[in-house]
Amino acid sequence: MVTIKPIKLNSYKTNTTEKLTSAEMGKLWAIYMGNSMSKCILSYFLQHVEDNNIKTLLENALKLCEEFMKTIKDIFEKENFPFPKGFSEEDINISVPRLFEKESV
């Protein structure tokens, strides 16, 4: 399976002295929280995946989550705005066994 590469989107501000609006801050906050949750879920899936094609897909998705989180963190730091703690390894136990397994035929 080939590595999935997203289109690089750049955000350009016309006026770099303008602060983020409350709507922009709220959306970035929500995206950060969603990606931190996805990172936990994907880490769990990676721990238990058996199919190499799916494993590659999960690794790519995890990498994207981490890139999005870093970008948002950078934006908040530039704006001197506190960023959310988000979900972390403390919120998930990746050693818990799966609920369902593929049946042997």
C-alpha atoms as a PDB file:
ATOM      1  CA  MET A   1       0.000   0.000   0.000  1.00  0.00           C
ATOM      2  CA  VAL A   2       1.279   3.427  -0.926  1.00  0.00           C
ATOM      3  CA  THR A   3       1.625   6.220   1.633  1.00  0.00           C
ATOM      4  CA  ILE A   4      -1.316   8.567   1.516  1.00  0.00           C
ATOM      5  CA  LYS A   5      -0.199  12.172   1.150  1.00  0.00           C
ATOM      6  CA  PRO A   6      -2.729  14.923   1.803  1.00  0.00           C
ATOM      7  CA  ILE A   7      -2.805  18.114  -0.174  1.00  0.00           C
ATOM      8  CA  LYS A   8      -0.765  20.763   1.604  1.00  0.00           C
ATOM      9  CA  LEU A   9      -3.047  23.609   2.539  1.00  0.00           C
ATOM     10  CA  ASN A  10      -1.540  26.806   3.820  1.00  0.00           C
ATOM     11  CA  SER A  11      -3.390  29.371   5.837  1.00  0.00           C
ATOM     12  CA  TYR A  12      -2.507  32.885   4.941  1.00  0.00           C
ATOM     13  CA  LYS A  13      -3.601  35.848   6.960  1.00  0.00           C
ATOM     14  CA  THR A  14      -3.922  39.063   5.048  1.00  0.00           C
ATOM     15  CA  ASN A  15      -3.108  41.043   8.159  1.00  0.00           C
ATOM     16  CA  THR A  16      -0.751  39.250  10.537  1.00  0.00           C
ATOM     17  CA  THR A  17      -1.459  41.715  13.344  1.00  0.00           C
ATOM     18  CA  GLU A  18      -5.110  40.633  13.575  1.00  0.00           C
ATOM     19  CA  LYS A  19      -5.998  38.311  16.421  1.00  0.00           C
ATOM     20  CA  LEU A  20      -7.973  35.122  15.871  1.00  0.00           C
ATOM     21  CA  THR A  21     -11.723  35.548  16.181  1.00  0.00           C
ATOM     22  CA  SER A  22     -13.619  33.642  18.855  1.00  0.00           C
ATOM     23  CA  ALA A  23     -15.114  31.423  16.125  1.00  0.00           C
ATOM     24  CA  GLU A  24     -11.634  30.598  14.794  1.00  0.00           C
ATOM     25  CA  MET A  25     -10.319  29.847  18.278  1.00  0.00           C
ATOM     26  CA  GLY A  26     -13.331  27.665  19.041  1.00  0.00           C
ATOM     27  CA  LYS A  27     -12.998  25.700  15.821  1.00  0.00           C
ATOM     28  CA  LEU A  28      -9.265  25.166  16.312  1.00  0.00           C
ATOM     29  CA  TRP A  29      -9.933  24.057  19.903  1.00  0.00           C
ATOM     30  CA  ALA A  30     -12.562  21.537  18.706  1.00  0.00           C
ATOM     31  CA  ILE A  31     -10.282  20.210  15.955  1.00  0.00           C
ATOM     32  CA  TYR A  32      -7.435  19.791  18.444  1.00  0.00           C
ATOM     33  CA  MET A  33      -9.679  17.882  20.868  1.00  0.00           C
ATOM     34  CA  GLY A  34     -11.036  15.654  18.099  1.00  0.00           C
ATOM     35  CA  ASN A  35      -7.579  14.823  16.829  1.00  0.00           C
ATOM     36  CA  SER A  36      -6.259  14.090  20.312  1.00  0.00           C
ATOM     37  CA  MET A  37      -9.154  11.629  20.749  1.00  0.00           C
ATOM     38  CA  SER A  38      -8.480  10.104  17.320  1.00  0.00           C
ATOM     39  CA  LYS A  39      -4.823   9.716  18.235  1.00  0.00           C
ATOM     40  CA  CYS A  40      -5.807   7.576  21.244  1.00  0.00           C
ATOM     41  CA  ILE A  41      -8.186   5.442  19.184  1.00  0.00           C
ATOM     42  CA  LEU A  42      -5.687   4.945  16.376  1.00  0.00           C
ATOM     43  CA  SER A  43      -2.967   3.988  18.866  1.00  0.00           C
ATOM     44  CA  TYR A  44      -5.261   1.301  20.252  1.00  0.00           C
ATOM     45  CA  PHE A  45      -6.100   0.007  16.781  1.00  0.00           C
ATOM     46  CA  LEU A  46      -2.409  -0.099  15.843  1.00  0.00           C
ATOM     47  CA  GLN A  47      -1.706  -2.223  18.904  1.00  0.00           C
ATOM     48  CA  HIS A  48      -4.167  -4.898  17.741  1.00  0.00           C
ATOM     49  CA  VAL A  49      -4.197  -4.724  13.924  1.00  0.00           C
ATOM     50  CA  GLU A  50      -3.159  -7.822  12.001  1.00  0.00           C
ATOM     51  CA  ASP A  51      -3.638  -6.756   8.363  1.00  0.00           C
ATOM     52  CA  ASN A  52      -0.564  -4.930   7.008  1.00  0.00           C
ATOM     53  CA  ASN A  53      -2.599  -2.813   4.567  1.00  0.00           C
ATOM     54  CA  ILE A  54      -4.848  -1.589   7.355  1.00  0.00           C
ATOM     55  CA  LYS A  55      -1.817  -1.029   9.580  1.00  0.00           C
ATOM     56  CA  THR A  56      -0.309   1.277   6.933  1.00  0.00           C
ATOM     57  CA  LEU A  57      -3.574   3.196   6.714  1.00  0.00           C
ATOM     58  CA  LEU A  58      -3.749   3.566  10.505  1.00  0.00           C
ATOM     59  CA  GLU A  59      -0.130   4.744  10.671  1.00  0.00           C
ATOM     60  CA  ASN A  60      -0.862   7.412   8.046  1.00  0.00           C
ATOM     61  CA  ALA A  61      -3.973   8.532   9.915  1.00  0.00           C
ATOM     62  CA  LEU A  62      -2.023   8.762  13.177  1.00  0.00           C
ATOM     63  CA  LYS A  63       0.667  10.832  11.476  1.00  0.00           C
ATOM     64  CA  LEU A  64      -1.985  13.232  10.139  1.00  0.00           C
ATOM     65  CA  CYS A  65      -3.527  13.615  13.598  1.00  0.00           C
ATOM     66  CA  GLU A  66      -0.147  14.474  15.065  1.00  0.00           C
ATOM     67  CA  GLU A  67       0.574  16.996  12.281  1.00  0.00           C
ATOM     68  CA  PHE A  68      -2.811  18.705  12.767  1.00  0.00           C
ATOM     69  CA  MET A  69      -2.266  18.894  16.524  1.00  0.00           C
ATOM     70  CA  LYS A  70       1.210  20.394  16.084  1.00  0.00           C
ATOM     71  CA  THR A  71      -0.049  22.983  13.588  1.00  0.00           C
ATOM     72  CA  ILE A  72      -2.875  24.052  15.890  1.00  0.00           C
ATOM     73  CA  LYS A  73      -0.531  24.191  18.874  1.00  0.00           C
ATOM     74  CA  ASP A  74       1.822  26.435  16.860  1.00  0.00           C
ATOM     75  CA  ILE A  75      -1.056  28.747  15.916  1.00  0.00           C
ATOM     76  CA  PHE A  76      -2.184  29.035  19.534  1.00  0.00           C
ATOM     77  CA  GLU A  77       1.375  29.740  20.693  1.00  0.00           C
ATOM     78  CA  LYS A  78       1.738  32.514  18.100  1.00  0.00           C
ATOM     79  CA  GLU A  79      -1.558  33.985  19.277  1.00  0.00           C
ATOM     80  CA  ASN A  80      -0.511  33.643  22.936  1.00  0.00           C
ATOM     81  CA  PHE A  81      -3.652  31.577  23.499  1.00  0.00           C
ATOM     82  CA  PRO A  82      -3.673  28.557  25.835  1.00  0.00           C
ATOM     83  CA  PHE A  83      -4.144  25.269  24.024  1.00  0.00           C
ATOM     84  CA  PRO A  84      -6.242  22.408  25.358  1.00  0.00           C
ATOM     85  CA  LYS A  85      -4.717  19.482  27.187  1.00  0.00           C
ATOM     86  CA  GLY A  86      -6.749  17.114  25.039  1.00  0.00           C
ATOM     87  CA  PHE A  87      -6.845  13.371  25.424  1.00  0.00           C
ATOM     88  CA  SER A  88      -3.631  11.531  26.225  1.00  0.00           C
ATOM     89  CA  GLU A  89      -2.198   8.095  26.957  1.00  0.00           C
ATOM     90  CA  GLU A  90      -3.659   8.455  30.451  1.00  0.00           C
ATOM     91  CA  ASP A  91      -7.139   8.178  28.914  1.00  0.00           C
ATOM     92  CA  ILE A  92      -6.652   4.858  27.133  1.00  0.00           C
ATOM     93  CA  ASN A  93      -5.366   1.402  27.940  1.00  0.00           C
ATOM     94  CA  ILE A  94      -4.032  -0.036  24.676  1.00  0.00           C
ATOM     95  CA  SER A  95      -3.310  -3.419  26.244  1.00  0.00           C
ATOM     96  CA  VAL A  96      -7.017  -4.210  26.701  1.00  0.00           C
ATOM     97  CA  PRO A  97      -7.990  -7.076  24.373  1.00  0.00           C
ATOM     98  CA  ARG A  98     -10.347  -6.542  21.451  1.00  0.00           C
ATOM     99  CA  LEU A  99     -14.061  -7.082  21.881  1.00  0.00           C
ATOM    100  CA  PHE A 100     -14.391  -8.944  18.586  1.00  0.00           C
ATOM    101  CA  GLU A 101     -12.079 -11.229  16.646  1.00  0.00           C
ATOM    102  CA  LYS A 102     -12.221 -12.608  13.155  1.00  0.00           C
ATOM    103  CA  GLU A 103     -13.561 -16.136  13.220  1.00  0.00           C
ATOM    104  CA  SER A 104     -11.386 -18.959  11.950  1.00  0.00           C
ATOM    105  CA  VAL A 105     -12.903 -20.778   9.003  1.00  0.00           C
END
